[in-house]
């Protein structure tokens, strides 16, 4: 085992200044370039009452029949709802009114 005194990385209490050090940068990166956004998806969960859960299951089965596929997932429903909520000012206003009335 090496002694602490001979360890070049352990300069604590020896009066030795650490060398100037800065993290390596990727070549070609300029300080003014924007930082890349995270590309991974973020998970959100929602608590449903038993009645809401059953109702959503029934709706998903009926939607799958209308779309002509075997199954529509809750993930697909939530993603479509959020996309519409963010794109449609009238829907957004309607949701705001509903939220306000429930408080």
PDB file of N, CA and C in Angstrom:
ATOM      1  N   UNK A   1       0.845  -1.186   0.000  1.00  0.00           N
ATOM      2  CA  UNK A   1       0.000   0.000   0.000  1.00  0.00           C
ATOM      3  C   UNK A   1       0.886   1.244   0.000  1.00  0.00           C
ATOM      4  N   UNK A   2       0.510   2.230  -0.823  1.00  0.00           N
ATOM      5  CA  UNK A   2       1.294   3.464  -0.908  1.00  0.00           C
ATOM      6  C   UNK A   2       0.988   4.338   0.290  1.00  0.00           C
ATOM      7  N   UNK A   3       1.975   5.044   0.763  1.00  0.00           N
ATOM      8  CA  UNK A   3       1.736   5.972   1.867  1.00  0.00           C
ATOM      9  C   UNK A   3       1.066   7.219   1.330  1.00  0.00           C
ATOM     10  N   UNK A   4       0.361   7.906   2.213  1.00  0.00           N
ATOM     11  CA  UNK A   4      -0.348   9.118   1.818  1.00  0.00           C
ATOM     12  C   UNK A   4       0.622  10.184   1.338  1.00  0.00           C
ATOM     13  N   UNK A   5       1.803  10.256   1.937  1.00  0.00           N
ATOM     14  CA  UNK A   5       2.774  11.286   1.569  1.00  0.00           C
ATOM     15  C   UNK A   5       3.259  11.107   0.142  1.00  0.00           C
ATOM     16  N   UNK A   6       3.315   9.892  -0.356  1.00  0.00           N
ATOM     17  CA  UNK A   6       3.811   9.692  -1.712  1.00  0.00           C
ATOM     18  C   UNK A   6       2.696   9.737  -2.753  1.00  0.00           C
ATOM     19  N   UNK A   7       1.458   9.904  -2.322  1.00  0.00           N
ATOM     20  CA  UNK A   7       0.339   9.969  -3.249  1.00  0.00           C
ATOM     21  C   UNK A   7       0.303  11.359  -3.873  1.00  0.00           C
ATOM     22  N   UNK A   8       0.533  11.481  -5.193  1.00  0.00           N
ATOM     23  CA  UNK A   8       0.578  12.798  -5.829  1.00  0.00           C
ATOM     24  C   UNK A   8      -0.774  13.509  -5.831  1.00  0.00           C
ATOM     25  N   UNK A   9      -1.863  12.773  -5.618  1.00  0.00           N
ATOM     26  CA  UNK A   9      -3.179  13.401  -5.627  1.00  0.00           C
ATOM     27  C   UNK A   9      -3.595  13.892  -4.250  1.00  0.00           C
ATOM     28  N   UNK A  10      -2.854  13.525  -3.215  1.00  0.00           N
ATOM     29  CA  UNK A  10      -3.209  13.913  -1.857  1.00  0.00           C
ATOM     30  C   UNK A  10      -2.281  15.031  -1.393  1.00  0.00           C
ATOM     31  N   UNK A  11      -2.708  16.273  -1.619  1.00  0.00           N
ATOM     32  CA  UNK A  11      -1.896  17.424  -1.241  1.00  0.00           C
ATOM     33  C   UNK A  11      -2.478  18.151  -0.041  1.00  0.00           C
ATOM     34  N   UNK A  12      -3.429  17.553   0.641  1.00  0.00           N
ATOM     35  CA  UNK A  12      -4.067  18.196   1.787  1.00  0.00           C
ATOM     36  C   UNK A  12      -3.065  18.354   2.915  1.00  0.00           C
ATOM     37  N   UNK A  13      -2.949  19.546   3.437  1.00  0.00           N
ATOM     38  CA  UNK A  13      -2.126  19.801   4.610  1.00  0.00           C
ATOM     39  C   UNK A  13      -0.632  19.794   4.357  1.00  0.00           C
ATOM     40  N   UNK A  14      -0.184  19.717   3.130  1.00  0.00           N
ATOM     41  CA  UNK A  14       1.250  19.681   2.854  1.00  0.00           C
ATOM     42  C   UNK A  14       1.773  21.023   2.368  1.00  0.00           C
ATOM     43  N   UNK A  15       0.889  22.022   2.263  1.00  0.00           N
ATOM     44  CA  UNK A  15       1.319  23.326   1.788  1.00  0.00           C
ATOM     45  C   UNK A  15       1.597  23.333   0.294  1.00  0.00           C
ATOM     46  N   UNK A  16       1.157  22.324  -0.393  1.00  0.00           N
ATOM     47  CA  UNK A  16       1.381  22.229  -1.836  1.00  0.00           C
ATOM     48  C   UNK A  16       0.132  22.735  -2.535  1.00  0.00           C
ATOM     49  N   UNK A  17       0.324  23.641  -3.485  1.00  0.00           N
ATOM     50  CA  UNK A  17      -0.806  24.153  -4.236  1.00  0.00           C
ATOM     51  C   UNK A  17      -1.188  23.150  -5.313  1.00  0.00           C
ATOM     52  N   UNK A  18      -2.488  22.998  -5.492  1.00  0.00           N
ATOM     53  CA  UNK A  18      -2.967  22.133  -6.569  1.00  0.00           C
ATOM     54  C   UNK A  18      -2.678  22.817  -7.894  1.00  0.00           C
ATOM     55  N   UNK A  19      -2.308  22.058  -8.902  1.00  0.00           N
ATOM     56  CA  UNK A  19      -2.054  22.663 -10.214  1.00  0.00           C
ATOM     57  C   UNK A  19      -3.337  23.257 -10.780  1.00  0.00           C
ATOM     58  N   UNK A  20      -3.151  24.291 -11.654  1.00  0.00           N
ATOM     59  CA  UNK A  20      -4.324  24.846 -12.330  1.00  0.00           C
ATOM     60  C   UNK A  20      -4.983  23.728 -13.110  1.00  0.00           C
ATOM     61  N   UNK A  21      -6.271  23.599 -12.916  1.00  0.00           N
ATOM     62  CA  UNK A  21      -6.983  22.492 -13.538  1.00  0.00           C
ATOM     63  C   UNK A  21      -8.338  22.982 -13.980  1.00  0.00           C
ATOM     64  N   UNK A  22      -8.724  22.627 -15.169  1.00  0.00           N
ATOM     65  CA  UNK A  22     -10.073  22.922 -15.630  1.00  0.00           C
ATOM     66  C   UNK A  22     -10.573  21.697 -16.378  1.00  0.00           C
ATOM     67  N   UNK A  23     -11.886  21.447 -16.329  1.00  0.00           N
ATOM     68  CA  UNK A  23     -12.413  20.263 -16.995  1.00  0.00           C
ATOM     69  C   UNK A  23     -12.194  20.343 -18.496  1.00  0.00           C
ATOM     70  N   UNK A  24     -11.961  19.204 -19.087  1.00  0.00           N
ATOM     71  CA  UNK A  24     -11.755  19.146 -20.537  1.00  0.00           C
ATOM     72  C   UNK A  24     -13.052  19.511 -21.244  1.00  0.00           C
ATOM     73  N   UNK A  25     -12.933  20.223 -22.338  1.00  0.00           N
ATOM     74  CA  UNK A  25     -14.096  20.577 -23.142  1.00  0.00           C
ATOM     75  C   UNK A  25     -14.087  19.746 -24.401  1.00  0.00           C
ATOM     76  N   UNK A  26     -15.273  19.513 -24.919  1.00  0.00           N
ATOM     77  CA  UNK A  26     -15.356  18.808 -26.190  1.00  0.00           C
ATOM     78  C   UNK A  26     -14.779  19.706 -27.268  1.00  0.00           C
ATOM     79  N   UNK A  27     -14.033  19.112 -28.181  1.00  0.00           N
ATOM     80  CA  UNK A  27     -13.488  19.914 -29.270  1.00  0.00           C
ATOM     81  C   UNK A  27     -14.633  20.424 -30.126  1.00  0.00           C
ATOM     82  N   UNK A  28     -14.478  21.630 -30.591  1.00  0.00           N
ATOM     83  CA  UNK A  28     -15.481  22.233 -31.449  1.00  0.00           C
ATOM     84  C   UNK A  28     -16.586  22.948 -30.690  1.00  0.00           C
ATOM     85  N   UNK A  29     -16.645  22.786 -29.380  1.00  0.00           N
ATOM     86  CA  UNK A  29     -17.679  23.465 -28.598  1.00  0.00           C
ATOM     87  C   UNK A  29     -17.221  24.889 -28.303  1.00  0.00           C
ATOM     88  N   UNK A  30     -18.101  25.836 -28.503  1.00  0.00           N
ATOM     89  CA  UNK A  30     -17.810  27.225 -28.198  1.00  0.00           C
ATOM     90  C   UNK A  30     -18.652  27.621 -26.990  1.00  0.00           C
ATOM     91  N   UNK A  31     -18.151  28.516 -26.162  1.00  0.00           N
ATOM     92  CA  UNK A  31     -18.914  28.894 -24.967  1.00  0.00           C
ATOM     93  C   UNK A  31     -20.274  29.505 -25.271  1.00  0.00           C
ATOM     94  N   UNK A  32     -20.467  30.033 -26.484  1.00  0.00           N
ATOM     95  CA  UNK A  32     -21.735  30.676 -26.808  1.00  0.00           C
ATOM     96  C   UNK A  32     -22.766  29.705 -27.363  1.00  0.00           C
ATOM     97  N   UNK A  33     -22.369  28.463 -27.621  1.00  0.00           N
ATOM     98  CA  UNK A  33     -23.328  27.498 -28.154  1.00  0.00           C
ATOM     99  C   UNK A  33     -24.303  27.088 -27.060  1.00  0.00           C
ATOM    100  N   UNK A  34     -25.579  26.914 -27.416  1.00  0.00           N
ATOM    101  CA  UNK A  34     -26.551  26.511 -26.394  1.00  0.00           C
ATOM    102  C   UNK A  34     -26.257  25.099 -25.884  1.00  0.00           C
ATOM    103  N   UNK A  35     -26.603  24.882 -24.640  1.00  0.00           N
ATOM    104  CA  UNK A  35     -26.437  23.560 -24.053  1.00  0.00           C
ATOM    105  C   UNK A  35     -27.521  22.659 -24.629  1.00  0.00           C
ATOM    106  N   UNK A  36     -27.161  21.471 -25.100  1.00  0.00           N
ATOM    107  CA  UNK A  36     -28.183  20.580 -25.665  1.00  0.00           C
ATOM    108  C   UNK A  36     -29.229  20.218 -24.606  1.00  0.00           C
ATOM    109  N   UNK A  37     -30.490  20.205 -25.022  1.00  0.00           N
ATOM    110  CA  UNK A  37     -31.565  19.847 -24.114  1.00  0.00           C
ATOM    111  C   UNK A  37     -31.600  18.346 -23.901  1.00  0.00           C
ATOM    112  N   UNK A  38     -32.140  17.950 -22.767  1.00  0.00           N
ATOM    113  CA  UNK A  38     -32.271  16.532 -22.457  1.00  0.00           C
ATOM    114  C   UNK A  38     -33.233  15.904 -23.462  1.00  0.00           C
ATOM    115  N   UNK A  39     -32.850  14.780 -24.012  1.00  0.00           N
ATOM    116  CA  UNK A  39     -33.666  14.114 -25.011  1.00  0.00           C
ATOM    117  C   UNK A  39     -34.477  12.954 -24.444  1.00  0.00           C
ATOM    118  N   UNK A  40     -34.218  12.578 -23.209  1.00  0.00           N
ATOM    119  CA  UNK A  40     -34.968  11.471 -22.637  1.00  0.00           C
ATOM    120  C   UNK A  40     -36.341  11.953 -22.197  1.00  0.00           C
ATOM    121  N   UNK A  41     -37.279  11.052 -22.192  1.00  0.00           N
ATOM    122  CA  UNK A  41     -38.637  11.385 -21.780  1.00  0.00           C
ATOM    123  C   UNK A  41     -38.719  11.427 -20.262  1.00  0.00           C
ATOM    124  N   UNK A  42     -39.644  12.195 -19.765  1.00  0.00           N
ATOM    125  CA  UNK A  42     -39.854  12.328 -18.330  1.00  0.00           C
ATOM    126  C   UNK A  42     -41.167  11.656 -17.961  1.00  0.00           C
ATOM    127  N   UNK A  43     -41.137  10.860 -16.916  1.00  0.00           N
ATOM    128  CA  UNK A  43     -42.339  10.135 -16.484  1.00  0.00           C
ATOM    129  C   UNK A  43     -43.149  10.989 -15.514  1.00  0.00           C
ATOM    130  N   UNK A  44     -44.466  10.992 -15.726  1.00  0.00           N
ATOM    131  CA  UNK A  44     -45.412  11.618 -14.810  1.00  0.00           C
ATOM    132  C   UNK A  44     -46.425  10.544 -14.430  1.00  0.00           C
ATOM    133  N   UNK A  45     -46.872  10.573 -13.211  1.00  0.00           N
ATOM    134  CA  UNK A  45     -47.894   9.622 -12.792  1.00  0.00           C
ATOM    135  C   UNK A  45     -49.128  10.381 -12.344  1.00  0.00           C
ATOM    136  N   UNK A  46     -50.254   9.704 -12.368  1.00  0.00           N
ATOM    137  CA  UNK A  46     -51.511  10.323 -11.958  1.00  0.00           C
ATOM    138  C   UNK A  46     -52.279   9.308 -11.113  1.00  0.00           C
ATOM    139  N   UNK A  47     -52.895   9.798 -10.059  1.00  0.00           N
ATOM    140  CA  UNK A  47     -53.741   8.956  -9.216  1.00  0.00           C
ATOM    141  C   UNK A  47     -55.183   9.098  -9.690  1.00  0.00           C
ATOM    142  N   UNK A  48     -55.812   7.978 -10.007  1.00  0.00           N
ATOM    143  CA  UNK A  48     -57.198   7.969 -10.466  1.00  0.00           C
ATOM    144  C   UNK A  48     -58.067   7.264  -9.442  1.00  0.00           C
ATOM    145  N   UNK A  49     -59.307   7.709  -9.356  1.00  0.00           N
ATOM    146  CA  UNK A  49     -60.266   6.976  -8.532  1.00  0.00           C
ATOM    147  C   UNK A  49     -60.599   5.677  -9.271  1.00  0.00           C
ATOM    148  N   UNK A  50     -61.148   4.688  -8.581  1.00  0.00           N
ATOM    149  CA  UNK A  50     -61.541   3.453  -9.280  1.00  0.00           C
ATOM    150  C   UNK A  50     -62.510   3.721 -10.433  1.00  0.00           C
ATOM    151  N   UNK A  51     -63.438   4.649 -10.243  1.00  0.00           N
ATOM    152  CA  UNK A  51     -64.395   4.968 -11.310  1.00  0.00           C
ATOM    153  C   UNK A  51     -63.691   5.606 -12.512  1.00  0.00           C
ATOM    154  N   UNK A  52     -62.754   6.516 -12.251  1.00  0.00           N
ATOM    155  CA  UNK A  52     -61.997   7.131 -13.355  1.00  0.00           C
ATOM    156  C   UNK A  52     -61.181   6.076 -14.092  1.00  0.00           C
ATOM    157  N   UNK A  53     -60.571   5.176 -13.345  1.00  0.00           N
ATOM    158  CA  UNK A  53     -59.743   4.127 -13.947  1.00  0.00           C
ATOM    159  C   UNK A  53     -60.587   3.227 -14.846  1.00  0.00           C
ATOM    160  N   UNK A  54     -61.744   2.779 -14.343  1.00  0.00           N
ATOM    161  CA  UNK A  54     -62.634   1.936 -15.157  1.00  0.00           C
ATOM    162  C   UNK A  54     -63.123   2.699 -16.380  1.00  0.00           C
ATOM    163  N   UNK A  55     -63.523   3.953 -16.173  1.00  0.00           N
ATOM    164  CA  UNK A  55     -64.010   4.756 -17.293  1.00  0.00           C
ATOM    165  C   UNK A  55     -62.957   4.947 -18.374  1.00  0.00           C
ATOM    166  N   UNK A  56     -61.721   5.182 -17.958  1.00  0.00           N
ATOM    167  CA  UNK A  56     -60.638   5.341 -18.935  1.00  0.00           C
ATOM    168  C   UNK A  56     -60.380   4.033 -19.668  1.00  0.00           C
ATOM    169  N   UNK A  57     -60.416   2.907 -18.952  1.00  0.00           N
ATOM    170  CA  UNK A  57     -60.239   1.603 -19.607  1.00  0.00           C
ATOM    171  C   UNK A  57     -61.304   1.369 -20.672  1.00  0.00           C
ATOM    172  N   UNK A  58     -62.561   1.660 -20.327  1.00  0.00           N
ATOM    173  CA  UNK A  58     -63.659   1.487 -21.283  1.00  0.00           C
ATOM    174  C   UNK A  58     -63.445   2.403 -22.480  1.00  0.00           C
ATOM    175  N   UNK A  59     -63.091   3.665 -22.205  1.00  0.00           N
ATOM    176  CA  UNK A  59     -62.873   4.625 -23.292  1.00  0.00           C
ATOM    177  C   UNK A  59     -61.754   4.145 -24.213  1.00  0.00           C
ATOM    178  N   UNK A  60     -60.670   3.645 -23.636  1.00  0.00           N
ATOM    179  CA  UNK A  60     -59.535   3.176 -24.438  1.00  0.00           C
ATOM    180  C   UNK A  60     -59.944   2.003 -25.333  1.00  0.00           C
ATOM    181  N   UNK A  61     -60.745   1.076 -24.811  1.00  0.00           N
ATOM    182  CA  UNK A  61     -61.195  -0.056 -25.639  1.00  0.00           C
ATOM    183  C   UNK A  61     -62.074   0.431 -26.788  1.00  0.00           C
ATOM    184  N   UNK A  62     -62.993   1.358 -26.490  1.00  0.00           N
ATOM    185  CA  UNK A  62     -63.859   1.903 -27.537  1.00  0.00           C
ATOM    186  C   UNK A  62     -63.047   2.686 -28.565  1.00  0.00           C
ATOM    187  N   UNK A  63     -62.068   3.440 -28.106  1.00  0.00           N
ATOM    188  CA  UNK A  63     -61.210   4.199 -29.025  1.00  0.00           C
ATOM    189  C   UNK A  63     -60.421   3.252 -29.918  1.00  0.00           C
ATOM    190  N   UNK A  64     -59.923   2.159 -29.365  1.00  0.00           N
ATOM    191  CA  UNK A  64     -59.177   1.181 -30.166  1.00  0.00           C
ATOM    192  C   UNK A  64     -60.074   0.607 -31.258  1.00  0.00           C
ATOM    193  N   UNK A  65     -61.338   0.317 -30.929  1.00  0.00           N
ATOM    194  CA  UNK A  65     -62.276  -0.180 -31.942  1.00  0.00           C
ATOM    195  C   UNK A  65     -62.478   0.853 -33.042  1.00  0.00           C
ATOM    196  N   UNK A  66     -62.649   2.122 -32.666  1.00  0.00           N
ATOM    197  CA  UNK A  66     -62.872   3.180 -33.667  1.00  0.00           C
ATOM    198  C   UNK A  66     -61.634   3.427 -34.523  1.00  0.00           C
ATOM    199  N   UNK A  67     -60.458   3.312 -33.910  1.00  0.00           N
ATOM    200  CA  UNK A  67     -59.206   3.529 -34.647  1.00  0.00           C
ATOM    201  C   UNK A  67     -58.882   2.314 -35.510  1.00  0.00           C
ATOM    202  N   UNK A  68     -59.359   1.152 -35.092  1.00  0.00           N
ATOM    203  CA  UNK A  68     -59.094  -0.069 -35.847  1.00  0.00           C
ATOM    204  C   UNK A  68     -57.814  -0.760 -35.414  1.00  0.00           C
ATOM    205  N   UNK A  69     -57.509  -0.678 -34.136  1.00  0.00           N
ATOM    206  CA  UNK A  69     -56.322  -1.362 -33.630  1.00  0.00           C
ATOM    207  C   UNK A  69     -56.721  -2.183 -32.404  1.00  0.00           C
ATOM    208  N   UNK A  70     -55.818  -3.015 -31.959  1.00  0.00           N
ATOM    209  CA  UNK A  70     -56.123  -3.906 -30.843  1.00  0.00           C
ATOM    210  C   UNK A  70     -56.194  -3.166 -29.510  1.00  0.00           C
ATOM    211  N   UNK A  71     -55.395  -2.123 -29.373  1.00  0.00           N
ATOM    212  CA  UNK A  71     -55.277  -1.498 -28.054  1.00  0.00           C
ATOM    213  C   UNK A  71     -54.821  -0.048 -28.173  1.00  0.00           C
ATOM    214  N   UNK A  72     -55.366   0.807 -27.332  1.00  0.00           N
ATOM    215  CA  UNK A  72     -54.882   2.179 -27.142  1.00  0.00           C
ATOM    216  C   UNK A  72     -54.408   2.241 -25.691  1.00  0.00           C
ATOM    217  N   UNK A  73     -53.182   2.662 -25.484  1.00  0.00           N
ATOM    218  CA  UNK A  73     -52.641   2.698 -24.123  1.00  0.00           C
ATOM    219  C   UNK A  73     -52.981   4.012 -23.432  1.00  0.00           C
ATOM    220  N   UNK A  74     -52.940   3.977 -22.123  1.00  0.00           N
ATOM    221  CA  UNK A  74     -53.117   5.198 -21.344  1.00  0.00           C
ATOM    222  C   UNK A  74     -52.050   6.222 -21.682  1.00  0.00           C
ATOM    223  N   UNK A  75     -50.842   5.746 -21.967  1.00  0.00           N
ATOM    224  CA  UNK A  75     -49.742   6.630 -22.362  1.00  0.00           C
ATOM    225  C   UNK A  75     -50.105   7.397 -23.632  1.00  0.00           C
ATOM    226  N   UNK A  76     -50.659   6.699 -24.616  1.00  0.00           N
ATOM    227  CA  UNK A  76     -51.050   7.356 -25.866  1.00  0.00           C
ATOM    228  C   UNK A  76     -52.131   8.406 -25.616  1.00  0.00           C
ATOM    229  N   UNK A  77     -53.090   8.062 -24.767  1.00  0.00           N
ATOM    230  CA  UNK A  77     -54.181   8.994 -24.459  1.00  0.00           C
ATOM    231  C   UNK A  77     -53.630  10.243 -23.779  1.00  0.00           C
ATOM    232  N   UNK A  78     -52.800  10.045 -22.755  1.00  0.00           N
ATOM    233  CA  UNK A  78     -52.256  11.186 -22.016  1.00  0.00           C
ATOM    234  C   UNK A  78     -51.384  12.065 -22.912  1.00  0.00           C
ATOM    235  N   UNK A  79     -50.565  11.449 -23.744  1.00  0.00           N
ATOM    236  CA  UNK A  79     -49.703  12.221 -24.646  1.00  0.00           C
ATOM    237  C   UNK A  79     -50.537  13.047 -25.619  1.00  0.00           C
ATOM    238  N   UNK A  80     -51.590  12.440 -26.198  1.00  0.00           N
ATOM    239  CA  UNK A  80     -52.456  13.166 -27.128  1.00  0.00           C
ATOM    240  C   UNK A  80     -53.183  14.307 -26.415  1.00  0.00           C
ATOM    241  N   UNK A  81     -53.656  14.047 -25.199  1.00  0.00           N
ATOM    242  CA  UNK A  81     -54.342  15.100 -24.444  1.00  0.00           C
ATOM    243  C   UNK A  81     -53.415  16.270 -24.138  1.00  0.00           C
ATOM    244  N   UNK A  82     -52.208  15.965 -23.715  1.00  0.00           N
ATOM    245  CA  UNK A  82     -51.253  17.031 -23.380  1.00  0.00           C
ATOM    246  C   UNK A  82     -50.865  17.815 -24.626  1.00  0.00           C
ATOM    247  N   UNK A  83     -50.634  17.120 -25.747  1.00  0.00           N
ATOM    248  CA  UNK A  83     -50.319  17.815 -26.998  1.00  0.00           C
ATOM    249  C   UNK A  83     -51.439  18.779 -27.375  1.00  0.00           C
ATOM    250  N   UNK A  84     -52.688  18.323 -27.272  1.00  0.00           N
ATOM    251  CA  UNK A  84     -53.815  19.195 -27.607  1.00  0.00           C
ATOM    252  C   UNK A  84     -53.950  20.340 -26.614  1.00  0.00           C
ATOM    253  N   UNK A  85     -53.759  20.052 -25.332  1.00  0.00           N
ATOM    254  CA  UNK A  85     -53.841  21.091 -24.299  1.00  0.00           C
ATOM    255  C   UNK A  85     -52.838  22.209 -24.565  1.00  0.00           C
ATOM    256  N   UNK A  86     -51.633  21.839 -24.948  1.00  0.00           N
ATOM    257  CA  UNK A  86     -50.590  22.837 -25.186  1.00  0.00           C
ATOM    258  C   UNK A  86     -50.772  23.583 -26.502  1.00  0.00           C
ATOM    259  N   UNK A  87     -51.480  22.990 -27.456  1.00  0.00           N
ATOM    260  CA  UNK A  87     -51.630  23.605 -28.776  1.00  0.00           C
ATOM    261  C   UNK A  87     -52.937  24.380 -28.940  1.00  0.00           C
ATOM    262  N   UNK A  88     -53.937  24.111 -28.124  1.00  0.00           N
ATOM    263  CA  UNK A  88     -55.273  24.675 -28.316  1.00  0.00           C
ATOM    264  C   UNK A  88     -55.615  25.657 -27.188  1.00  0.00           C
ATOM    265  N   UNK A  89     -55.596  26.965 -27.480  1.00  0.00           N
ATOM    266  CA  UNK A  89     -55.889  27.960 -26.442  1.00  0.00           C
ATOM    267  C   UNK A  89     -57.299  27.819 -25.858  1.00  0.00           C
ATOM    268  N   UNK A  90     -58.276  27.411 -26.678  1.00  0.00           N
ATOM    269  CA  UNK A  90     -59.642  27.239 -26.168  1.00  0.00           C
ATOM    270  C   UNK A  90     -59.710  26.080 -25.177  1.00  0.00           C
ATOM    271  N   UNK A  91     -59.057  24.979 -25.505  1.00  0.00           N
ATOM    272  CA  UNK A  91     -59.016  23.841 -24.585  1.00  0.00           C
ATOM    273  C   UNK A  91     -58.276  24.223 -23.308  1.00  0.00           C
ATOM    274  N   UNK A  92     -57.187  24.953 -23.456  1.00  0.00           N
ATOM    275  CA  UNK A  92     -56.423  25.404 -22.294  1.00  0.00           C
ATOM    276  C   UNK A  92     -57.292  26.260 -21.374  1.00  0.00           C
ATOM    277  N   UNK A  93     -58.054  27.188 -21.950  1.00  0.00           N
ATOM    278  CA  UNK A  93     -58.940  28.046 -21.158  1.00  0.00           C
ATOM    279  C   UNK A  93     -60.028  27.219 -20.474  1.00  0.00           C
ATOM    280  N   UNK A  94     -60.553  26.220 -21.179  1.00  0.00           N
ATOM    281  CA  UNK A  94     -61.578  25.352 -20.598  1.00  0.00           C
ATOM    282  C   UNK A  94     -61.020  24.580 -19.400  1.00  0.00           C
ATOM    283  N   UNK A  95     -59.810  24.069 -19.519  1.00  0.00           N
ATOM    284  CA  UNK A  95     -59.182  23.327 -18.423  1.00  0.00           C
ATOM    285  C   UNK A  95     -58.913  24.261 -17.243  1.00  0.00           C
ATOM    286  N   UNK A  96     -58.468  25.478 -17.517  1.00  0.00           N
ATOM    287  CA  UNK A  96     -58.233  26.457 -16.446  1.00  0.00           C
ATOM    288  C   UNK A  96     -59.534  26.732 -15.694  1.00  0.00           C
ATOM    289  N   UNK A  97     -60.636  26.901 -16.435  1.00  0.00           N
ATOM    290  CA  UNK A  97     -61.935  27.132 -15.782  1.00  0.00           C
ATOM    291  C   UNK A  97     -62.324  25.939 -14.907  1.00  0.00           C
ATOM    292  N   UNK A  98     -62.114  24.734 -15.410  1.00  0.00           N
ATOM    293  CA  UNK A  98     -62.437  23.528 -14.633  1.00  0.00           C
ATOM    294  C   UNK A  98     -61.593  23.456 -13.371  1.00  0.00           C
ATOM    295  N   UNK A  99     -60.292  23.714 -13.504  1.00  0.00           N
ATOM    296  CA  UNK A  99     -59.402  23.671 -12.339  1.00  0.00           C
ATOM    297  C   UNK A  99     -59.803  24.715 -11.304  1.00  0.00           C
ATOM    298  N   UNK A 100     -60.134  25.913 -11.789  1.00  0.00           N
ATOM    299  CA  UNK A 100     -60.533  26.991 -10.879  1.00  0.00           C
ATOM    300  C   UNK A 100     -61.814  26.614 -10.129  1.00  0.00           C
ATOM    301  N   UNK A 101     -62.757  25.994 -10.822  1.00  0.00           N
ATOM    302  CA  UNK A 101     -64.037  25.644 -10.181  1.00  0.00           C
ATOM    303  C   UNK A 101     -63.888  24.514  -9.165  1.00  0.00           C
ATOM    304  N   UNK A 102     -62.849  23.720  -9.269  1.00  0.00           N
ATOM    305  CA  UNK A 102     -62.629  22.602  -8.344  1.00  0.00           C
ATOM    306  C   UNK A 102     -61.869  23.008  -7.091  1.00  0.00           C
ATOM    307  N   UNK A 103     -61.434  24.237  -7.015  1.00  0.00           N
ATOM    308  CA  UNK A 103     -60.662  24.687  -5.834  1.00  0.00           C
ATOM    309  C   UNK A 103     -61.541  25.340  -4.811  1.00  0.00           C
TER     310      UNK A 103
END
